[in-house]
Amino acid sequence: MACDHCRSIDVERLYNEKPGTLFDHHSTVEELEACSEATGCQLCEWIRSGLGYPYWSKGDDRVGYFRDNIAEANGFSKITFQSSLLRSLSFEVFVLEGSRLANPNIISGRPVSPYSDSENCFQLAKRWKDQCLEHHSDTCLRRTDQKLPTRVIDVGPSDGSHEPCLKISEGEEGDWVALSHCWGTESRFVLSSNNIASFQKIISFQTLPPTFRDAIIVTRKIGYRYLWIDSLCIIQDSHEDWVLESKSMQDYYKDAILTISADSAAGDHVGFLGKRHQLAPSLTIELTTGDKLGIRKIVKMESHISKRAWTLQEFLLSPRSLQYMPDQLIWECHASKLCESDTKPQDNNSWAQEKSLKRFFSTPSLELSDSKSFQPSSRWYNLVEDYSLRNMTKKDDILPAISGLAREIAQQSGYTYAAGIWIEEICIGLGWYPVRSATAKESDEYHAPSWSWASWPTSPGIAFTVPHLVNEDMYERKATLIRYKIILEDDDKFGRVKSGSIDLRAKCISMRSWLEQNYLKFHYVRDRYDFTKTAMSSYIRKPMEPDDILCFFDSFDENTTSEKISEETHLFHISTLTTSSYTRMYALLLVQVENSPKETYRRVGLIDISTPTYTEEYLMDQSTWEEKEVHII
């Protein structure tokens, strides 16, 4: 049941007026509340509860609505209700295809199917794919002579009349679809040395995990014969095959015709086709004009894929991604982002285009050559910060799971890769810190040299000190690389490492000497986001002294005293950032390795010396910094 106020929403006036023009809905909050109780109007109740009543003053607080901004010749898909106190609440609006309001593109929002395996969904996915292949040839390149991966799943004809099987490509050319998925814990249906022969004859469709069955169905429906699934196309009990194939995974996703992303499936045992159980609440209002207007709550849906470390490179390297979210289909290619709930592209402005992660790996014609964010090294910092927030079942996958992106950056930049760090940008690469210190137990297992971000083993992630879009003139590299050495675990410079070291020359001082010679206070930062346990960094708006030193420790021992820290730790200056309002000096925190040659150290953290008062020269002159060469492992 909708009240007269909601039935009187004037969609056409919304479309014709400027974005942000406020239209009256209720003159007061009391009126909104009374209307909701008297008529049982569901939309009024959503607005009342969503705006936060009764925790805000009623008085003469007017409630109005306005539409979102749109480009010419595109409809709108969002309506926002706002009180005079500037509290606001947005909803998606939608109409049926072919209705009067949809015909002139007044409203671009559309209903979503309750079933992800409906024929409408399959046709929509195929239409998106065909439009991209036909119209995006300059941005979403498609190679016509690419060889198939070493192994693919032959899904059979589109009618499903033949069972799938494993195909050894032997250099054959063709198109294929790739699958990005979460393995989960319950399903371990994988290719092995024991079943590879039988799989080449037949893989029973009914014995496959639901996610694999669904991927085969989608591949058939959109008109392709071959499907690449990592767990079924790489021999999982062969280390040699895994190492060999992992080097090609970059190309398997990059050259795939598209990648199916099973975002709604927590594991292979779940599947992603069928009835959607997480649709956002919606209602339909019959307006006074006789038109029917759908209203849908905006709910952020959980994507299991976005939490998995391996899937970051799978998504970014794929030129075309078809995402099966819990509530709808989403398409993203290098040229556009589309969703089932809206006929309007989701990135129809330049800001959204620049922020799209997938555009980090777009073709040169689409790159913004003048934008710092599109430089290869800047892309890497963005990606590593995102990557470090994701879950990883096997911690020794930390370098292999991002190796495809590293290969791509290396090809674009010509930079030299060493355990997650670019040698040509060594000072920037060393300037990382964890947003939460690991415990000694968490950080005990070896994954990479201590100077690499890959040595840090656990979420919630790491961050880099240097802003990604910093003006190069503001940033000074203070350490010089003398030599480096990486011992690989396998014959893959982008993969796992056994050990690594760097020799640097820069100015160094013991923490004890610094404390004795300077009044600046040290703040030991255990958790960047924990307001209760530690002094916060300047990134969190916590009042601090104008001149302070922030110590970010990679691991933290509860029994370690500040006296012991100052006794054993050395500051090694790597870079300085200077602006018109402040100076920030960054230094590694190093401790000498016991029973090792002199001047062999390992990294234990990073310090941020932030001061609006003093210059770098003054701080250096006030204490006995000594230039030395150190060996860091």
Foldseek 3Di string as FASTA:
>chain_A
DADQLVLAPDLVVLLVDAFPDWDFRFQWLVVLVVCCVPVVHPVSVCFNVQLPPPVDDTPRWTKTKHFHDDDPQAAGFKMKIAIPVGRIFMWGKAADPPDPCPPSNNHFFHDFDQWCPDPVNLVVVLVVLVCCVVPVCPWLPADQFDFAAQKWWFLDALVSPDAIAIDGRVRHDDAEEEEQEAADDPDQPAAAPVCNVVRRVHDGLVPFAQAVNQVSNSCNSSPHGTYDYPRHGFHPVDPVSCVVVLVCVLVNQLNHSEYEYQFADLHSNPHQGTGQPDAFDKDWHQHPVRGIMIIGHDDDFGGNSLQALLSVSSVLSHQWYWYRTSHWIWIDGLPFIDTPRGPDTPQPDPVSNVPDLSVLPIDPVPDPVPALCNQLVLNLQVSQQSSQQHDDPDLLCLQSSCLSSVVSSCVVPVFDDAFSDTPVPNLQQQQKFALAAAACVQQVDAFAAQSGPSSQGHDPGMHGDDDSRDDPVQKDWFKDWDDKDWADPDPDRRHTTPYMKTKIKGWKDQLLQLVVQDDAEEWERRHQPDPPPTDHDVVDVDDDDQWHKYWGFNHDYPPDDPVNLRVFWMWGWTMWGDDPQKIKTKTFIWGADPPDPPQETETGTMMIGIHRPDDPVVSPVRTPIDIDMHMYD
